Amino acid sequence: MDGEEKREKGMVMDMSLLEIRGLETEFQTEQGVVKALRGIDYTVDKGEVLGIVGESGSGKSVGMLSLMGLLAPNGTVTAGEMIFDGGRHFSG
């Protein structure tokens, strides 16, 4: 059950620590635009731990680098919203 479902069922009293909604990231390459992430959503509530797992090339590192603002110069967060501890940090 994700954070949104928990809120709908009244299981979450406090605001989430981290909310990611619709994260999209792309890279400009010589061959054109590569859409690395498309519509990533997740919520981490206070006291929770989130583990990101997946196959090689599935976007784990790009997702975390996008959140931290550490993408390579040719990378851009093109859509999405991140709310950390109640404050909006990017919105695409």
Protein backbone atom coordinates (compact mmCIF):
# COMPACT_ATOMS: atom_id res chain seq x y z
CA MET A 1 0.00 0.00 0.00
CA ASP A 2 1.54 3.31 -1.02
CA GLY A 3 1.31 6.64 0.82
CA GLU A 4 -1.63 7.85 -1.27
CA GLU A 5 -3.65 4.73 -0.44
CA LYS A 6 -2.74 5.07 3.24
CA ARG A 7 -3.97 8.69 3.26
CA GLU A 8 -7.23 7.72 1.54
CA LYS A 9 -7.87 5.10 4.23
CA GLY A 10 -7.02 7.53 7.04
CA MET A 11 -3.91 5.60 8.05
CA VAL A 12 -1.52 8.56 7.81
CA MET A 13 -1.78 11.30 10.40
CA ASP A 14 1.24 13.42 9.50
CA MET A 15 2.40 14.77 6.19
CA SER A 16 4.71 12.48 4.21
CA LEU A 17 8.43 13.04 4.48
CA LEU A 18 8.93 12.69 0.71
CA GLU A 19 6.43 12.63 -2.14
CA ILE A 20 7.38 12.18 -5.77
CA ARG A 21 4.67 12.60 -8.40
CA GLY A 22 5.04 12.20 -12.15
CA LEU A 23 8.85 12.41 -12.27
CA GLU A 24 10.16 12.47 -15.84
CA THR A 25 13.78 12.88 -16.86
CA GLU A 26 15.35 13.03 -20.29
CA PHE A 27 18.82 13.33 -21.77
CA GLN A 28 19.90 15.15 -24.94
CA THR A 29 22.23 12.94 -26.98
CA GLU A 30 23.76 13.15 -30.45
CA GLN A 31 21.11 10.67 -31.57
CA GLY A 32 18.26 12.71 -30.10
CA VAL A 33 16.29 12.81 -26.86
CA VAL A 34 16.32 9.77 -24.54
CA LYS A 35 13.42 9.64 -22.09
CA ALA A 36 15.02 7.92 -19.12
CA LEU A 37 12.14 8.19 -16.61
CA ARG A 38 8.43 8.41 -17.33
CA GLY A 39 5.88 9.13 -14.63
CA ILE A 40 7.59 7.84 -11.49
CA ASP A 41 5.50 8.15 -8.29
CA TYR A 42 6.26 7.18 -4.71
CA THR A 43 5.76 8.32 -1.15
CA VAL A 44 7.96 7.83 1.89
CA ASP A 45 6.31 8.53 5.22
CA LYS A 46 8.20 9.57 8.34
CA GLY A 47 9.85 6.54 9.90
CA GLU A 48 9.71 4.50 6.68
CA VAL A 49 12.62 3.25 4.59
CA LEU A 50 12.40 2.92 0.81
CA GLY A 51 14.58 0.53 -1.17
CA ILE A 52 14.81 1.00 -4.93
CA VAL A 53 15.51 -2.23 -6.81
CA GLY A 54 15.33 -3.18 -10.46
CA GLU A 55 17.16 -4.45 -13.48
CA SER A 56 20.22 -2.75 -14.87
CA GLY A 57 19.13 0.29 -16.87
CA SER A 58 15.71 0.53 -15.23
CA GLY A 59 16.25 4.10 -13.94
CA LYS A 60 17.22 3.59 -10.30
CA SER A 61 20.29 5.84 -10.43
CA VAL A 62 18.74 8.41 -12.77
CA GLY A 63 15.76 8.69 -10.44
CA MET A 64 17.89 9.37 -7.39
CA LEU A 65 20.22 11.75 -9.26
CA SER A 66 17.15 13.63 -10.52
CA LEU A 67 15.89 14.07 -6.97
CA MET A 68 19.24 15.31 -5.73
CA GLY A 69 19.78 17.69 -8.66
CA LEU A 70 22.94 15.85 -9.70
CA LEU A 71 22.15 14.95 -13.31
CA ALA A 72 24.80 15.24 -16.00
CA PRO A 73 24.69 18.55 -17.92
CA ASN A 74 22.69 16.92 -20.75
CA GLY A 75 20.02 15.63 -18.32
CA THR A 76 16.83 17.50 -17.46
CA VAL A 77 13.88 16.84 -15.17
CA THR A 78 11.05 17.61 -17.60
CA ALA A 79 8.02 16.88 -15.42
CA GLY A 80 7.05 16.02 -11.92
CA GLU A 81 6.82 17.30 -8.42
CA MET A 82 8.86 16.61 -5.31
CA ILE A 83 7.65 17.59 -1.88
CA PHE A 84 10.15 17.08 0.93
CA ASP A 85 8.93 17.58 4.48
CA GLY A 86 6.11 19.82 3.29
CA GLY A 87 8.17 22.06 0.97
CA ARG A 88 7.97 21.87 -2.84
CA HIS A 89 11.42 21.50 -4.39
CA PHE A 90 10.77 21.11 -8.09
CA SER A 91 7.80 21.11 -10.33
CA GLY A 92 7.91 20.35 -14.02
